[in-house]
């Protein structure tokens, strides 16, 4: 056996071991979701058994009750509110973060690293610390139970991390292409829309997906600042936990339905997400 083959065998063994470990970790993270999905298709009696019965008959009672078949509240207004708040705030974040990241990467301002650190430091403030001032402001301005207040809040919450991410993505855009566009007479909005955005599209998609997930999953502000009109899907989900008990099958069905938009968005944009998050990692 040659010396080259001897050297390659440990590498192949190590690669196979890492592959098996990755599959085991993936299954470990997927197991709670699979369990929740299976429980959602059981009746309340079968879902409440301990240990759980995996061979129990399947039923759609949890989904029927979630969608109001039993006389309960309809989830559609809450789902629409979450969709509006998440999509609108994500679009605003991208519109504001793209020129800011351009100024910090392609045309850096003085002490741009301090600016980035300031953006990141705003995420270090506990959300609870700003809850009371925001609530008082919303009450005095008549913005309580208003979906557009959540849009503004989600935009301000996601903007720092979006600028931080997009700065690293836009730093990979060749400056020569931008200079060529400027020589041709293109102005800054045209450069951002037709030159920078197409090149940095994977990074923009990754940033948009993360901002959408953060907005969709946000609960604290939505719980305190909304009531009936602007109630979001996570707030609607907490209404299933009552003093009468925890109806496990219905809660699992509701959790799965509310998680589907995020799971679908992540699955649809997984290639862009991986490409965007790894952009600039290898020189």
C-alpha atoms as a PDB file:
ATOM      1  CA  UNK A   1       0.000   0.000   0.000  1.00  0.00           C
ATOM      2  CA  UNK A   2       1.379   3.384  -0.963  1.00  0.00           C
ATOM      3  CA  UNK A   3       2.062   6.167   1.510  1.00  0.00           C
ATOM      4  CA  UNK A   4      -0.555   8.358  -0.181  1.00  0.00           C
ATOM      5  CA  UNK A   5      -3.303   5.784   0.418  1.00  0.00           C
ATOM      6  CA  UNK A   6      -2.277   5.488   4.060  1.00  0.00           C
ATOM      7  CA  UNK A   7      -2.573   9.256   4.482  1.00  0.00           C
ATOM      8  CA  UNK A   8      -5.961   9.434   2.726  1.00  0.00           C
ATOM      9  CA  UNK A   9      -7.596   6.671   4.802  1.00  0.00           C
ATOM     10  CA  UNK A  10      -7.658   8.610   8.114  1.00  0.00           C
ATOM     11  CA  UNK A  11      -9.056  11.653   6.306  1.00  0.00           C
ATOM     12  CA  UNK A  12     -11.868   9.614   4.759  1.00  0.00           C
ATOM     13  CA  UNK A  13     -12.621   7.984   8.112  1.00  0.00           C
ATOM     14  CA  UNK A  14     -12.681  11.370   9.808  1.00  0.00           C
ATOM     15  CA  UNK A  15     -14.970  12.769   7.079  1.00  0.00           C
ATOM     16  CA  UNK A  16     -17.369   9.834   7.411  1.00  0.00           C
ATOM     17  CA  UNK A  17     -17.445  10.252  11.189  1.00  0.00           C
ATOM     18  CA  UNK A  18     -18.221  13.959  10.881  1.00  0.00           C
ATOM     19  CA  UNK A  19     -20.986  13.148   8.392  1.00  0.00           C
ATOM     20  CA  UNK A  20     -22.590  10.664  10.789  1.00  0.00           C
ATOM     21  CA  UNK A  21     -22.305  13.188  13.625  1.00  0.00           C
ATOM     22  CA  UNK A  22     -23.950  15.874  11.485  1.00  0.00           C
ATOM     23  CA  UNK A  23     -26.857  13.538  10.668  1.00  0.00           C
ATOM     24  CA  UNK A  24     -27.288  12.651  14.353  1.00  0.00           C
ATOM     25  CA  UNK A  25     -27.346  16.318  15.348  1.00  0.00           C
ATOM     26  CA  UNK A  26     -29.818  17.076  12.564  1.00  0.00           C
ATOM     27  CA  UNK A  27     -32.129  14.296  13.747  1.00  0.00           C
ATOM     28  CA  UNK A  28     -31.774  15.504  17.327  1.00  0.00           C
ATOM     29  CA  UNK A  29     -32.929  19.003  16.354  1.00  0.00           C
ATOM     30  CA  UNK A  30     -35.691  17.629  14.115  1.00  0.00           C
ATOM     31  CA  UNK A  31     -37.104  15.218  16.715  1.00  0.00           C
ATOM     32  CA  UNK A  32     -39.102  17.836  18.718  1.00  0.00           C
ATOM     33  CA  UNK A  33     -40.699  19.152  15.515  1.00  0.00           C
ATOM     34  CA  UNK A  34     -41.592  15.617  14.382  1.00  0.00           C
ATOM     35  CA  UNK A  35     -43.016  14.870  17.814  1.00  0.00           C
ATOM     36  CA  UNK A  36     -45.095  18.049  17.750  1.00  0.00           C
ATOM     37  CA  UNK A  37     -46.396  17.223  14.258  1.00  0.00           C
ATOM     38  CA  UNK A  38     -47.328  13.678  15.281  1.00  0.00           C
ATOM     39  CA  UNK A  39     -49.064  14.860  18.459  1.00  0.00           C
ATOM     40  CA  UNK A  40     -51.090  17.389  16.477  1.00  0.00           C
ATOM     41  CA  UNK A  41     -52.717  14.526  14.549  1.00  0.00           C
ATOM     42  CA  UNK A  42     -53.863  12.722  17.700  1.00  0.00           C
ATOM     43  CA  UNK A  43     -56.999  13.169  19.740  1.00  0.00           C
ATOM     44  CA  UNK A  44     -56.716  14.954  23.077  1.00  0.00           C
ATOM     45  CA  UNK A  45     -57.049  11.651  24.943  1.00  0.00           C
ATOM     46  CA  UNK A  46     -54.204  10.026  23.006  1.00  0.00           C
ATOM     47  CA  UNK A  47     -52.036  13.139  23.148  1.00  0.00           C
ATOM     48  CA  UNK A  48     -52.354  13.309  26.946  1.00  0.00           C
ATOM     49  CA  UNK A  49     -51.131   9.748  27.554  1.00  0.00           C
ATOM     50  CA  UNK A  50     -47.814   9.337  29.356  1.00  0.00           C
ATOM     51  CA  UNK A  51     -45.727   7.893  27.812  1.00  0.00           C
ATOM     52  CA  UNK A  52     -47.115   9.056  24.454  1.00  0.00           C
ATOM     53  CA  UNK A  53     -48.751   6.523  22.197  1.00  0.00           C
ATOM     54  CA  UNK A  54     -47.125   6.612  18.768  1.00  0.00           C
ATOM     55  CA  UNK A  55     -49.483   3.963  17.376  1.00  0.00           C
ATOM     56  CA  UNK A  56     -52.660   5.883  18.276  1.00  0.00           C
ATOM     57  CA  UNK A  57     -55.241   6.602  15.611  1.00  0.00           C
ATOM     58  CA  UNK A  58     -54.741   9.801  13.654  1.00  0.00           C
ATOM     59  CA  UNK A  59     -57.310  12.579  13.851  1.00  0.00           C
ATOM     60  CA  UNK A  60     -57.749  16.181  12.695  1.00  0.00           C
ATOM     61  CA  UNK A  61     -59.615  17.407  15.781  1.00  0.00           C
ATOM     62  CA  UNK A  62     -56.778  19.732  16.829  1.00  0.00           C
ATOM     63  CA  UNK A  63     -56.714  21.475  13.453  1.00  0.00           C
ATOM     64  CA  UNK A  64     -60.502  21.787  13.328  1.00  0.00           C
ATOM     65  CA  UNK A  65     -60.556  23.463  16.734  1.00  0.00           C
ATOM     66  CA  UNK A  66     -57.645  25.717  15.806  1.00  0.00           C
ATOM     67  CA  UNK A  67     -59.472  27.010  12.730  1.00  0.00           C
ATOM     68  CA  UNK A  68     -62.607  27.695  14.767  1.00  0.00           C
ATOM     69  CA  UNK A  69     -64.725  24.661  13.870  1.00  0.00           C
ATOM     70  CA  UNK A  70     -65.667  24.222  17.532  1.00  0.00           C
ATOM     71  CA  UNK A  71     -66.948  27.749  17.890  1.00  0.00           C
ATOM     72  CA  UNK A  72     -63.642  29.296  18.927  1.00  0.00           C
ATOM     73  CA  UNK A  73     -61.964  32.421  17.595  1.00  0.00           C
ATOM     74  CA  UNK A  74     -60.706  32.390  14.017  1.00  0.00           C
ATOM     75  CA  UNK A  75     -56.889  32.501  13.624  1.00  0.00           C
ATOM     76  CA  UNK A  76     -56.956  34.261  10.252  1.00  0.00           C
ATOM     77  CA  UNK A  77     -56.902  37.870  11.551  1.00  0.00           C
ATOM     78  CA  UNK A  78     -53.879  37.064  13.715  1.00  0.00           C
ATOM     79  CA  UNK A  79     -52.086  35.285  10.873  1.00  0.00           C
ATOM     80  CA  UNK A  80     -52.760  38.231   8.541  1.00  0.00           C
ATOM     81  CA  UNK A  81     -51.463  40.678  11.165  1.00  0.00           C
ATOM     82  CA  UNK A  82     -48.254  38.689  11.586  1.00  0.00           C
ATOM     83  CA  UNK A  83     -47.800  38.513   7.818  1.00  0.00           C
ATOM     84  CA  UNK A  84     -48.306  42.258   7.379  1.00  0.00           C
ATOM     85  CA  UNK A  85     -46.028  43.188  10.281  1.00  0.00           C
ATOM     86  CA  UNK A  86     -43.265  40.776   9.266  1.00  0.00           C
ATOM     87  CA  UNK A  87     -43.250  41.536   5.535  1.00  0.00           C
ATOM     88  CA  UNK A  88     -43.631  45.308   5.897  1.00  0.00           C
ATOM     89  CA  UNK A  89     -40.906  45.582   8.541  1.00  0.00           C
ATOM     90  CA  UNK A  90     -38.560  43.349   6.535  1.00  0.00           C
ATOM     91  CA  UNK A  91     -39.011  45.489   3.405  1.00  0.00           C
ATOM     92  CA  UNK A  92     -38.374  48.666   5.405  1.00  0.00           C
ATOM     93  CA  UNK A  93     -35.269  47.129   6.949  1.00  0.00           C
ATOM     94  CA  UNK A  94     -33.854  46.238   3.529  1.00  0.00           C
ATOM     95  CA  UNK A  95     -34.597  49.697   2.109  1.00  0.00           C
ATOM     96  CA  UNK A  96     -32.830  51.375   5.037  1.00  0.00           C
ATOM     97  CA  UNK A  97     -30.021  48.867   5.578  1.00  0.00           C
ATOM     98  CA  UNK A  98     -28.786  48.712   1.975  1.00  0.00           C
ATOM     99  CA  UNK A  99     -27.609  52.346   1.692  1.00  0.00           C
ATOM    100  CA  UNK A 100     -26.287  52.267   5.275  1.00  0.00           C
ATOM    101  CA  UNK A 101     -24.249  49.134   4.558  1.00  0.00           C
ATOM    102  CA  UNK A 102     -23.054  50.720   1.293  1.00  0.00           C
ATOM    103  CA  UNK A 103     -21.749  53.712   3.231  1.00  0.00           C
ATOM    104  CA  UNK A 104     -19.973  51.465   5.738  1.00  0.00           C
ATOM    105  CA  UNK A 105     -18.381  49.055   3.269  1.00  0.00           C
ATOM    106  CA  UNK A 106     -17.969  50.313  -0.295  1.00  0.00           C
ATOM    107  CA  UNK A 107     -17.772  54.005   0.606  1.00  0.00           C
ATOM    108  CA  UNK A 108     -16.738  53.798   4.278  1.00  0.00           C
ATOM    109  CA  UNK A 109     -17.211  56.831   6.493  1.00  0.00           C
ATOM    110  CA  UNK A 110     -14.721  57.867   9.148  1.00  0.00           C
ATOM    111  CA  UNK A 111     -14.553  55.499  12.144  1.00  0.00           C
ATOM    112  CA  UNK A 112     -16.950  53.093  10.461  1.00  0.00           C
ATOM    113  CA  UNK A 113     -15.977  50.336  12.894  1.00  0.00           C
ATOM    114  CA  UNK A 114     -17.265  52.498  15.754  1.00  0.00           C
ATOM    115  CA  UNK A 115     -20.522  52.955  13.873  1.00  0.00           C
ATOM    116  CA  UNK A 116     -20.905  49.193  13.472  1.00  0.00           C
ATOM    117  CA  UNK A 117     -20.175  48.650  17.152  1.00  0.00           C
ATOM    118  CA  UNK A 118     -22.805  51.239  18.038  1.00  0.00           C
ATOM    119  CA  UNK A 119     -25.351  49.413  15.879  1.00  0.00           C
ATOM    120  CA  UNK A 120     -24.490  46.130  17.570  1.00  0.00           C
ATOM    121  CA  UNK A 121     -24.565  47.652  21.062  1.00  0.00           C
ATOM    122  CA  UNK A 122     -28.226  48.584  20.600  1.00  0.00           C
ATOM    123  CA  UNK A 123     -29.032  44.856  20.572  1.00  0.00           C
ATOM    124  CA  UNK A 124     -27.448  44.461  24.013  1.00  0.00           C
ATOM    125  CA  UNK A 125     -30.233  46.413  25.733  1.00  0.00           C
ATOM    126  CA  UNK A 126     -32.783  44.047  27.298  1.00  0.00           C
ATOM    127  CA  UNK A 127     -36.093  44.320  25.491  1.00  0.00           C
ATOM    128  CA  UNK A 128     -37.940  44.571  28.802  1.00  0.00           C
ATOM    129  CA  UNK A 129     -36.014  47.745  29.668  1.00  0.00           C
ATOM    130  CA  UNK A 130     -37.676  49.633  26.821  1.00  0.00           C
ATOM    131  CA  UNK A 131     -41.115  48.127  27.230  1.00  0.00           C
ATOM    132  CA  UNK A 132     -42.600  50.672  29.651  1.00  0.00           C
ATOM    133  CA  UNK A 133     -41.480  53.829  27.762  1.00  0.00           C
ATOM    134  CA  UNK A 134     -42.759  52.384  24.491  1.00  0.00           C
ATOM    135  CA  UNK A 135     -46.064  51.434  26.095  1.00  0.00           C
ATOM    136  CA  UNK A 136     -46.516  54.940  27.533  1.00  0.00           C
ATOM    137  CA  UNK A 137     -45.649  56.483  24.172  1.00  0.00           C
ATOM    138  CA  UNK A 138     -48.130  54.228  22.367  1.00  0.00           C
ATOM    139  CA  UNK A 139     -50.863  54.987  24.902  1.00  0.00           C
ATOM    140  CA  UNK A 140     -50.363  58.759  24.733  1.00  0.00           C
ATOM    141  CA  UNK A 141     -50.293  58.793  20.939  1.00  0.00           C
ATOM    142  CA  UNK A 142     -53.245  56.448  20.465  1.00  0.00           C
ATOM    143  CA  UNK A 143     -51.152  53.733  18.810  1.00  0.00           C
ATOM    144  CA  UNK A 144     -52.066  50.876  21.134  1.00  0.00           C
ATOM    145  CA  UNK A 145     -53.470  47.867  19.288  1.00  0.00           C
ATOM    146  CA  UNK A 146     -52.148  49.247  15.989  1.00  0.00           C
ATOM    147  CA  UNK A 147     -50.334  46.972  13.563  1.00  0.00           C
ATOM    148  CA  UNK A 148     -48.231  49.823  12.172  1.00  0.00           C
ATOM    149  CA  UNK A 149     -46.696  50.423  15.586  1.00  0.00           C
ATOM    150  CA  UNK A 150     -45.419  46.854  15.460  1.00  0.00           C
ATOM    151  CA  UNK A 151     -44.048  47.475  11.967  1.00  0.00           C
ATOM    152  CA  UNK A 152     -42.049  50.447  13.264  1.00  0.00           C
ATOM    153  CA  UNK A 153     -40.833  48.523  16.307  1.00  0.00           C
ATOM    154  CA  UNK A 154     -39.800  45.463  14.317  1.00  0.00           C
ATOM    155  CA  UNK A 155     -37.990  47.668  11.813  1.00  0.00           C
ATOM    156  CA  UNK A 156     -36.011  49.423  14.539  1.00  0.00           C
ATOM    157  CA  UNK A 157     -35.243  46.124  16.273  1.00  0.00           C
ATOM    158  CA  UNK A 158     -33.964  44.357  13.147  1.00  0.00           C
ATOM    159  CA  UNK A 159     -32.202  47.269  11.468  1.00  0.00           C
ATOM    160  CA  UNK A 160     -28.918  47.083  13.481  1.00  0.00           C
ATOM    161  CA  UNK A 161     -28.355  43.393  12.824  1.00  0.00           C
ATOM    162  CA  UNK A 162     -29.346  43.867   9.174  1.00  0.00           C
ATOM    163  CA  UNK A 163     -26.793  46.654   8.689  1.00  0.00           C
ATOM    164  CA  UNK A 164     -24.142  44.543  10.405  1.00  0.00           C
ATOM    165  CA  UNK A 165     -24.820  41.550   8.171  1.00  0.00           C
ATOM    166  CA  UNK A 166     -25.151  43.457   4.906  1.00  0.00           C
ATOM    167  CA  UNK A 167     -21.960  45.401   5.556  1.00  0.00           C
ATOM    168  CA  UNK A 168     -19.978  42.166   5.350  1.00  0.00           C
ATOM    169  CA  UNK A 169     -21.891  41.097   2.245  1.00  0.00           C
ATOM    170  CA  UNK A 170     -21.418  44.396   0.394  1.00  0.00           C
ATOM    171  CA  UNK A 171     -17.721  44.430   1.253  1.00  0.00           C
ATOM    172  CA  UNK A 172     -17.354  41.595  -1.300  1.00  0.00           C
ATOM    173  CA  UNK A 173     -18.781  43.687  -4.162  1.00  0.00           C
ATOM    174  CA  UNK A 174     -15.945  44.672  -6.559  1.00  0.00           C
ATOM    175  CA  UNK A 175     -15.371  48.412  -6.394  1.00  0.00           C
ATOM    176  CA  UNK A 176     -14.313  48.429 -10.070  1.00  0.00           C
ATOM    177  CA  UNK A 177     -17.856  47.551 -11.159  1.00  0.00           C
ATOM    178  CA  UNK A 178     -19.274  50.456  -9.176  1.00  0.00           C
ATOM    179  CA  UNK A 179     -16.675  52.852 -10.580  1.00  0.00           C
ATOM    180  CA  UNK A 180     -17.521  51.697 -14.101  1.00  0.00           C
ATOM    181  CA  UNK A 181     -21.203  52.398 -13.447  1.00  0.00           C
ATOM    182  CA  UNK A 182     -20.337  55.857 -12.150  1.00  0.00           C
ATOM    183  CA  UNK A 183     -18.278  56.572 -15.262  1.00  0.00           C
ATOM    184  CA  UNK A 184     -21.321  55.632 -17.345  1.00  0.00           C
ATOM    185  CA  UNK A 185     -23.305  58.267 -15.473  1.00  0.00           C
ATOM    186  CA  UNK A 186     -25.266  56.066 -13.055  1.00  0.00           C
ATOM    187  CA  UNK A 187     -26.378  57.789  -9.867  1.00  0.00           C
ATOM    188  CA  UNK A 188     -26.395  56.240  -6.408  1.00  0.00           C
ATOM    189  CA  UNK A 189     -29.999  54.885  -6.457  1.00  0.00           C
ATOM    190  CA  UNK A 190     -29.329  53.232  -9.814  1.00  0.00           C
ATOM    191  CA  UNK A 191     -26.050  51.769  -8.577  1.00  0.00           C
ATOM    192  CA  UNK A 192     -27.728  50.336  -5.492  1.00  0.00           C
ATOM    193  CA  UNK A 193     -30.672  48.883  -7.403  1.00  0.00           C
ATOM    194  CA  UNK A 194     -28.986  47.611 -10.586  1.00  0.00           C
ATOM    195  CA  UNK A 195     -25.373  46.935  -9.596  1.00  0.00           C
ATOM    196  CA  UNK A 196     -24.975  46.317  -5.873  1.00  0.00           C
ATOM    197  CA  UNK A 197     -28.272  44.542  -5.148  1.00  0.00           C
ATOM    198  CA  UNK A 198     -27.949  41.816  -7.862  1.00  0.00           C
ATOM    199  CA  UNK A 199     -24.373  40.994  -6.830  1.00  0.00           C
ATOM    200  CA  UNK A 200     -25.199  40.897  -3.111  1.00  0.00           C
ATOM    201  CA  UNK A 201     -28.544  39.116  -3.624  1.00  0.00           C
ATOM    202  CA  UNK A 202     -27.634  36.018  -1.560  1.00  0.00           C
ATOM    203  CA  UNK A 203     -26.645  38.209   1.378  1.00  0.00           C
ATOM    204  CA  UNK A 204     -29.762  40.333   1.022  1.00  0.00           C
ATOM    205  CA  UNK A 205     -31.919  37.187   0.936  1.00  0.00           C
ATOM    206  CA  UNK A 206     -30.239  35.828   4.068  1.00  0.00           C
ATOM    207  CA  UNK A 207     -30.741  39.141   5.869  1.00  0.00           C
ATOM    208  CA  UNK A 208     -34.388  39.329   4.800  1.00  0.00           C
ATOM    209  CA  UNK A 209     -35.075  35.779   5.977  1.00  0.00           C
ATOM    210  CA  UNK A 210     -33.533  36.378   9.401  1.00  0.00           C
ATOM    211  CA  UNK A 211     -35.431  39.654   9.842  1.00  0.00           C
ATOM    212  CA  UNK A 212     -38.672  37.945   8.802  1.00  0.00           C
ATOM    213  CA  UNK A 213     -38.126  35.143  11.322  1.00  0.00           C
ATOM    214  CA  UNK A 214     -37.344  37.586  14.138  1.00  0.00           C
ATOM    215  CA  UNK A 215     -40.452  39.627  13.353  1.00  0.00           C
ATOM    216  CA  UNK A 216     -42.746  36.621  12.995  1.00  0.00           C
ATOM    217  CA  UNK A 217     -41.610  35.080  16.295  1.00  0.00           C
ATOM    218  CA  UNK A 218     -41.666  38.280  18.375  1.00  0.00           C
ATOM    219  CA  UNK A 219     -44.059  37.953  21.334  1.00  0.00           C
ATOM    220  CA  UNK A 220     -43.307  40.425  24.122  1.00  0.00           C
ATOM    221  CA  UNK A 221     -44.157  43.709  22.378  1.00  0.00           C
ATOM    222  CA  UNK A 222     -47.060  42.130  20.519  1.00  0.00           C
ATOM    223  CA  UNK A 223     -48.447  40.766  23.776  1.00  0.00           C
ATOM    224  CA  UNK A 224     -48.257  44.094  25.636  1.00  0.00           C
ATOM    225  CA  UNK A 225     -49.055  46.563  22.844  1.00  0.00           C
ATOM    226  CA  UNK A 226     -51.874  44.755  21.033  1.00  0.00           C
ATOM    227  CA  UNK A 227     -55.331  43.647  22.027  1.00  0.00           C
ATOM    228  CA  UNK A 228     -57.863  42.441  19.485  1.00  0.00           C
ATOM    229  CA  UNK A 229     -57.348  44.397  16.256  1.00  0.00           C
ATOM    230  CA  UNK A 230     -53.567  43.985  15.912  1.00  0.00           C
ATOM    231  CA  UNK A 231     -53.147  40.632  17.664  1.00  0.00           C
ATOM    232  CA  UNK A 232     -50.393  38.550  16.050  1.00  0.00           C
ATOM    233  CA  UNK A 233     -50.113  34.791  15.635  1.00  0.00           C
ATOM    234  CA  UNK A 234     -47.774  34.187  18.639  1.00  0.00           C
ATOM    235  CA  UNK A 235     -50.171  36.123  20.873  1.00  0.00           C
ATOM    236  CA  UNK A 236     -53.077  34.105  19.503  1.00  0.00           C
ATOM    237  CA  UNK A 237     -51.147  30.933  20.305  1.00  0.00           C
ATOM    238  CA  UNK A 238     -50.755  31.879  23.977  1.00  0.00           C
ATOM    239  CA  UNK A 239     -54.543  32.024  24.246  1.00  0.00           C
ATOM    240  CA  UNK A 240     -54.654  28.217  24.082  1.00  0.00           C
ATOM    241  CA  UNK A 241     -53.037  28.004  27.523  1.00  0.00           C
ATOM    242  CA  UNK A 242     -55.994  28.564  29.865  1.00  0.00           C
ATOM    243  CA  UNK A 243     -56.928  27.867  33.464  1.00  0.00           C
ATOM    244  CA  UNK A 244     -59.062  24.961  32.267  1.00  0.00           C
ATOM    245  CA  UNK A 245     -55.962  23.015  31.253  1.00  0.00           C
ATOM    246  CA  UNK A 246     -53.553  22.483  28.409  1.00  0.00           C
ATOM    247  CA  UNK A 247     -55.090  20.868  25.333  1.00  0.00           C
ATOM    248  CA  UNK A 248     -51.942  19.360  23.908  1.00  0.00           C
ATOM    249  CA  UNK A 249     -53.207  18.247  20.499  1.00  0.00           C
ATOM    250  CA  UNK A 250     -54.759  21.637  19.759  1.00  0.00           C
ATOM    251  CA  UNK A 251     -51.643  23.506  20.952  1.00  0.00           C
ATOM    252  CA  UNK A 252     -49.398  21.317  18.790  1.00  0.00           C
ATOM    253  CA  UNK A 253     -51.664  21.840  15.774  1.00  0.00           C
ATOM    254  CA  UNK A 254     -51.655  25.604  16.320  1.00  0.00           C
ATOM    255  CA  UNK A 255     -47.875  25.655  16.810  1.00  0.00           C
ATOM    256  CA  UNK A 256     -47.308  23.706  13.608  1.00  0.00           C
ATOM    257  CA  UNK A 257     -49.593  25.941  11.528  1.00  0.00           C
ATOM    258  CA  UNK A 258     -48.014  29.132  12.906  1.00  0.00           C
ATOM    259  CA  UNK A 259     -44.516  27.734  12.284  1.00  0.00           C
ATOM    260  CA  UNK A 260     -45.244  26.773   8.674  1.00  0.00           C
ATOM    261  CA  UNK A 261     -44.578  30.240   7.109  1.00  0.00           C
ATOM    262  CA  UNK A 262     -41.144  30.407   8.718  1.00  0.00           C
ATOM    263  CA  UNK A 263     -40.325  26.808   7.821  1.00  0.00           C
ATOM    264  CA  UNK A 264     -41.521  27.324   4.245  1.00  0.00           C
ATOM    265  CA  UNK A 265     -39.522  30.543   3.861  1.00  0.00           C
ATOM    266  CA  UNK A 266     -36.409  28.892   5.245  1.00  0.00           C
ATOM    267  CA  UNK A 267     -36.798  25.861   2.983  1.00  0.00           C
ATOM    268  CA  UNK A 268     -37.417  27.999  -0.111  1.00  0.00           C
ATOM    269  CA  UNK A 269     -34.419  30.256   0.556  1.00  0.00           C
ATOM    270  CA  UNK A 270     -32.047  27.702   2.058  1.00  0.00           C
ATOM    271  CA  UNK A 271     -29.554  27.918  -0.813  1.00  0.00           C
ATOM    272  CA  UNK A 272     -29.509  31.715  -0.636  1.00  0.00           C
ATOM    273  CA  UNK A 273     -29.258  31.566   3.160  1.00  0.00           C
ATOM    274  CA  UNK A 274     -26.227  29.264   3.140  1.00  0.00           C
ATOM    275  CA  UNK A 275     -24.598  31.196   0.302  1.00  0.00           C
ATOM    276  CA  UNK A 276     -25.297  34.520   1.987  1.00  0.00           C
ATOM    277  CA  UNK A 277     -24.124  33.527   5.463  1.00  0.00           C
ATOM    278  CA  UNK A 278     -20.930  32.027   4.028  1.00  0.00           C
ATOM    279  CA  UNK A 279     -20.232  35.043   1.787  1.00  0.00           C
ATOM    280  CA  UNK A 280     -16.834  36.413   2.654  1.00  0.00           C
ATOM    281  CA  UNK A 281     -15.940  33.488   4.913  1.00  0.00           C
ATOM    282  CA  UNK A 282     -13.434  32.111   2.400  1.00  0.00           C
ATOM    283  CA  UNK A 283     -10.971  34.465   0.811  1.00  0.00           C
END
